[in-house]
């Protein structure tokens, strides 16, 4: 579905999705892309949804990269993961370009369900220990491929970075690098493959406005309500949304 064929209601819904995603990001520190993708995938094809959120994702993640500890410390543990994320995204978007969007939307829905279930129950994942050297690039490659196919670069990269024992500040910065690299590589790959048109590029740039507005509100909300309570409600909603996307695209 071309972006310019959206109805006024769909434009309003997209604006709301971007604003909500920014608010979630500001409140809990992550989840913007998966929230926006989950909502937009109900009104447009997945490749269009992924393209729309490129610039909003970049603008909301820059602060995580440069607002934390020195980059050298974080990259020393995670550089091989990030290199393979970039490689994986390139191949993932190639799969996306040649696949049925409905099938990939189902995959996105499944990822939403897995991510929400994982985060709700927060299982303790054992540290890779001495296997970290080879596991980091493998996990990075898988995360990149999944991110290129669905636009969601959370699984399995974020749980893995939690498992290797990064400090809180380094973990937040590492997640910012992961999301920023993933969005940048998607933009490059989409442009190369003709999936990022001028119209969608303009819409993505305009989409940064409600996303940043939502982020600002979320940062304010974070200081007023218990984050744990908000997080549980959000994850429950993502779980149900994932089920809805899967059922909608399978019927």
Protein backbone atom coordinates (compact mmCIF):
# COMPACT_ATOMS: atom_id res chain seq x y z
CA UNK A 1 0.00 0.00 0.00
CA UNK A 2 1.63 3.31 -1.03
CA UNK A 3 1.95 5.77 1.79
CA UNK A 4 0.01 8.50 -0.06
CA UNK A 5 -3.03 6.21 -0.31
CA UNK A 6 -3.58 6.34 3.44
CA UNK A 7 -6.94 7.59 4.62
CA UNK A 8 -7.19 10.51 7.09
CA UNK A 9 -7.94 8.00 9.83
CA UNK A 10 -4.81 6.01 8.97
CA UNK A 11 -2.69 9.15 9.02
CA UNK A 12 -4.10 10.01 12.45
CA UNK A 13 -3.51 6.45 13.63
CA UNK A 14 0.10 6.56 12.39
CA UNK A 15 0.63 9.88 14.22
CA UNK A 16 -0.79 8.31 17.40
CA UNK A 17 1.40 5.20 17.01
CA UNK A 18 4.57 7.32 16.65
CA UNK A 19 3.62 9.50 19.61
CA UNK A 20 2.86 6.44 21.76
CA UNK A 21 6.12 4.79 20.74
CA UNK A 22 8.06 7.91 21.74
CA UNK A 23 6.23 8.02 25.07
CA UNK A 24 7.11 4.38 25.75
CA UNK A 25 10.75 5.06 24.88
CA UNK A 26 10.85 8.06 27.19
CA UNK A 27 9.23 6.14 30.03
CA UNK A 28 11.00 2.76 29.97
CA UNK A 29 14.05 3.42 27.78
CA UNK A 30 13.23 1.02 24.92
CA UNK A 31 10.33 -0.45 22.97
CA UNK A 32 9.66 2.43 20.57
CA UNK A 33 10.20 0.49 17.35
CA UNK A 34 8.36 -2.62 18.43
CA UNK A 35 5.35 -0.61 19.63
CA UNK A 36 5.15 1.53 16.49
CA UNK A 37 5.75 -1.41 14.16
CA UNK A 38 3.12 -3.49 15.91
CA UNK A 39 0.52 -0.75 15.50
CA UNK A 40 1.46 0.38 11.97
CA UNK A 41 1.49 -3.22 10.74
CA UNK A 42 -2.27 -3.28 11.29
CA UNK A 43 -2.88 -0.53 8.68
CA UNK A 44 0.04 -0.70 6.20
CA UNK A 45 2.32 -3.39 4.83
CA UNK A 46 5.33 -4.16 6.99
CA UNK A 47 8.00 -2.72 4.60
CA UNK A 48 6.19 0.64 4.62
CA UNK A 49 5.92 0.57 8.42
CA UNK A 50 9.65 -0.20 8.75
CA UNK A 51 10.56 2.66 6.39
CA UNK A 52 8.36 5.15 8.24
CA UNK A 53 10.08 4.62 11.58
CA UNK A 54 13.67 4.91 10.33
CA UNK A 55 14.26 8.57 11.21
CA UNK A 56 12.16 8.53 14.40
CA UNK A 57 14.25 5.58 15.57
CA UNK A 58 17.51 7.36 14.77
CA UNK A 59 16.55 10.60 16.51
CA UNK A 60 15.36 8.89 19.70
CA UNK A 61 18.44 6.68 20.04
CA UNK A 62 21.23 9.21 19.52
CA UNK A 63 20.96 10.34 23.14
CA UNK A 64 21.53 6.77 24.40
CA UNK A 65 24.75 6.47 22.46
CA UNK A 66 26.37 9.77 23.42
CA UNK A 67 24.70 10.39 26.76
CA UNK A 68 26.27 7.46 28.58
CA UNK A 69 29.74 6.26 29.56
CA UNK A 70 32.70 6.56 27.17
CA UNK A 71 31.98 4.63 23.97
CA UNK A 72 35.34 2.83 24.15
CA UNK A 73 34.32 0.91 27.26
CA UNK A 74 31.06 -0.35 25.76
CA UNK A 75 32.51 -1.15 22.33
CA UNK A 76 35.34 -3.17 23.85
CA UNK A 77 32.80 -5.83 24.88
CA UNK A 78 30.28 -5.53 22.06
CA UNK A 79 32.03 -4.46 18.84
CA UNK A 80 31.82 -7.88 17.16
CA UNK A 81 28.10 -8.09 17.89
CA UNK A 82 27.50 -4.68 16.29
CA UNK A 83 29.58 -5.47 13.20
CA UNK A 84 27.52 -8.58 12.54
CA UNK A 85 24.27 -6.70 13.20
CA UNK A 86 25.13 -4.48 10.23
CA UNK A 87 25.93 -7.48 8.05
CA UNK A 88 22.79 -9.30 9.17
CA UNK A 89 20.51 -6.33 8.45
CA UNK A 90 21.73 -6.23 4.85
CA UNK A 91 20.75 -9.88 4.28
CA UNK A 92 17.55 -9.50 6.30
CA UNK A 93 16.29 -6.64 4.13
CA UNK A 94 17.08 -8.71 1.03
CA UNK A 95 14.80 -11.41 2.41
CA UNK A 96 12.19 -8.76 3.18
CA UNK A 97 12.25 -7.43 -0.39
CA UNK A 98 11.64 -10.91 -1.82
CA UNK A 99 9.06 -12.12 0.71
CA UNK A 100 5.33 -11.89 1.26
CA UNK A 101 4.79 -8.97 3.68
CA UNK A 102 1.97 -10.87 5.39
CA UNK A 103 4.33 -13.72 6.26
CA UNK A 104 6.86 -11.31 7.76
CA UNK A 105 4.07 -9.54 9.65
CA UNK A 106 3.29 -12.91 11.24
CA UNK A 107 6.96 -13.20 12.21
CA UNK A 108 6.78 -9.70 13.74
CA UNK A 109 3.72 -10.74 15.72
CA UNK A 110 5.52 -13.83 17.01
CA UNK A 111 8.50 -11.66 18.01
CA UNK A 112 6.15 -9.34 19.89
CA UNK A 113 4.73 -12.30 21.78
CA UNK A 114 8.18 -13.72 22.58
CA UNK A 115 9.59 -10.33 23.61
CA UNK A 116 6.62 -9.53 25.85
CA UNK A 117 6.62 -12.97 27.47
CA UNK A 118 10.39 -12.80 28.02
CA UNK A 119 10.27 -9.33 29.54
CA UNK A 120 7.24 -10.11 31.72
CA UNK A 121 8.78 -13.19 33.28
CA UNK A 122 12.42 -11.96 33.02
CA UNK A 123 14.09 -15.36 33.16
CA UNK A 124 17.67 -15.39 34.30
CA UNK A 125 19.74 -16.17 31.22
CA UNK A 126 23.10 -17.75 32.06
CA UNK A 127 26.19 -15.79 31.12
CA UNK A 128 28.00 -17.09 28.02
CA UNK A 129 31.27 -16.90 29.93
CA UNK A 130 34.24 -18.05 27.84
CA UNK A 131 31.90 -18.59 24.87
CA UNK A 132 31.24 -14.85 24.59
CA UNK A 133 33.96 -14.41 21.95
CA UNK A 134 32.14 -16.51 19.34
CA UNK A 135 28.59 -16.03 20.61
CA UNK A 136 28.62 -12.23 20.27
CA UNK A 137 29.02 -12.18 16.46
CA UNK A 138 26.54 -15.06 16.07
CA UNK A 139 23.89 -13.30 18.16
CA UNK A 140 24.65 -10.05 16.34
CA UNK A 141 24.15 -11.70 12.95
CA UNK A 142 20.85 -13.27 13.99
CA UNK A 143 19.64 -9.99 15.47
CA UNK A 144 20.55 -8.15 12.29
CA UNK A 145 18.79 -10.66 10.01
CA UNK A 146 15.64 -10.57 12.13
CA UNK A 147 15.84 -6.77 12.28
CA UNK A 148 16.20 -6.48 8.53
CA UNK A 149 13.24 -8.82 7.95
CA UNK A 150 10.84 -7.34 10.51
CA UNK A 151 12.25 -3.97 11.64
CA UNK A 152 12.51 -5.25 15.22
CA UNK A 153 16.10 -5.44 16.47
CA UNK A 154 15.36 -6.37 20.09
CA UNK A 155 15.57 -10.17 19.94
CA UNK A 156 17.86 -11.85 20.69
CA UNK A 157 20.36 -8.97 20.99
CA UNK A 158 18.99 -7.19 24.07
CA UNK A 159 18.55 -10.32 26.24
CA UNK A 160 22.07 -11.43 25.25
CA UNK A 161 23.59 -8.06 26.23
CA UNK A 162 21.85 -8.38 29.57
CA UNK A 163 23.32 -11.86 30.00
CA UNK A 164 26.95 -10.81 29.43
CA UNK A 165 26.77 -8.61 32.52
CA UNK A 166 27.09 -5.07 31.21
CA UNK A 167 26.59 -2.37 33.82
CA UNK A 168 23.27 -0.51 33.73
CA UNK A 169 24.72 2.54 31.99
CA UNK A 170 26.69 0.44 29.53
CA UNK A 171 23.62 -1.67 28.76
CA UNK A 172 21.52 1.40 28.02
CA UNK A 173 24.27 2.77 25.79
CA UNK A 174 24.73 -0.61 24.06
CA UNK A 175 21.00 -0.81 23.33
CA UNK A 176 21.18 2.68 21.86
CA UNK A 177 24.07 1.64 19.60
CA UNK A 178 22.21 -1.51 18.54
CA UNK A 179 19.02 0.35 17.63
CA UNK A 180 20.87 3.23 15.98
CA UNK A 181 23.02 0.93 13.83
CA UNK A 182 20.05 -1.21 12.93
CA UNK A 183 17.97 1.77 11.80
CA UNK A 184 20.87 3.30 9.86
CA UNK A 185 21.62 0.05 8.03
CA UNK A 186 17.94 -0.43 7.23
CA UNK A 187 17.87 3.07 5.73
CA UNK A 188 20.95 2.33 3.59
CA UNK A 189 19.67 -1.07 2.47
CA UNK A 190 16.13 0.18 1.78
CA UNK A 191 17.50 3.03 -0.31
CA UNK A 192 19.70 0.65 -2.29
CA UNK A 193 16.77 -1.68 -2.96
CA UNK A 194 14.31 1.10 -3.80
CA UNK A 195 12.11 0.45 -0.76
CA UNK A 196 12.64 3.93 0.71
CA UNK A 197 10.84 6.31 -1.65
CA UNK A 198 10.90 10.08 -1.41
CA UNK A 199 7.31 10.15 -0.12
CA UNK A 200 8.06 7.67 2.64
CA UNK A 201 11.28 9.52 3.47
CA UNK A 202 9.32 12.74 4.01
CA UNK A 203 6.77 10.89 6.13
CA UNK A 204 9.58 9.36 8.19
CA UNK A 205 11.11 12.79 8.78
CA UNK A 206 7.74 14.22 9.81
CA UNK A 207 7.20 11.18 12.01
CA UNK A 208 10.13 12.30 14.15
CA UNK A 209 8.03 15.18 15.47
CA UNK A 210 5.29 13.18 17.26
CA UNK A 211 7.89 10.63 18.34
CA UNK A 212 10.09 13.27 20.00
CA UNK A 213 6.99 14.86 21.52
CA UNK A 214 5.98 11.51 22.94
CA UNK A 215 9.50 10.92 24.21
CA UNK A 216 9.48 14.24 26.06
CA UNK A 217 6.12 13.39 27.65
CA UNK A 218 7.32 9.90 28.54
CA UNK A 219 10.36 11.32 30.31
CA UNK A 220 8.02 13.47 32.38
CA UNK A 221 5.69 10.56 33.10
CA UNK A 222 8.63 8.40 34.17
CA UNK A 223 9.15 10.61 37.21
CA UNK A 224 5.48 10.44 38.25
CA UNK A 225 4.33 6.82 37.95
CA UNK A 226 5.92 3.54 38.98
CA UNK A 227 7.93 2.36 35.98
CA UNK A 228 7.39 -1.29 36.86
CA UNK A 229 3.61 -0.92 36.74
CA UNK A 230 3.69 0.88 33.40
CA UNK A 231 6.10 -1.69 32.00
CA UNK A 232 3.81 -4.61 32.89
CA UNK A 233 0.80 -2.94 31.27
CA UNK A 234 2.81 -2.18 28.17
CA UNK A 235 4.15 -5.72 27.84
CA UNK A 236 0.68 -7.20 28.31
CA UNK A 237 -0.60 -4.92 25.53
CA UNK A 238 2.31 -5.94 23.26
CA UNK A 239 1.55 -9.60 23.92
CA UNK A 240 -2.09 -9.14 22.89
CA UNK A 241 -1.08 -7.01 19.91
CA UNK A 242 1.29 -9.74 18.73
CA UNK A 243 -1.53 -12.30 18.89
CA UNK A 244 -3.78 -9.93 16.93
CA UNK A 245 -1.18 -9.40 14.18
CA UNK A 246 -0.55 -13.14 13.86
CA UNK A 247 -4.26 -14.00 13.69
CA UNK A 248 -5.03 -11.17 11.25
CA UNK A 249 -2.30 -12.17 8.78
CA UNK A 250 -2.98 -15.89 9.00
CA UNK A 251 -6.65 -15.54 8.08
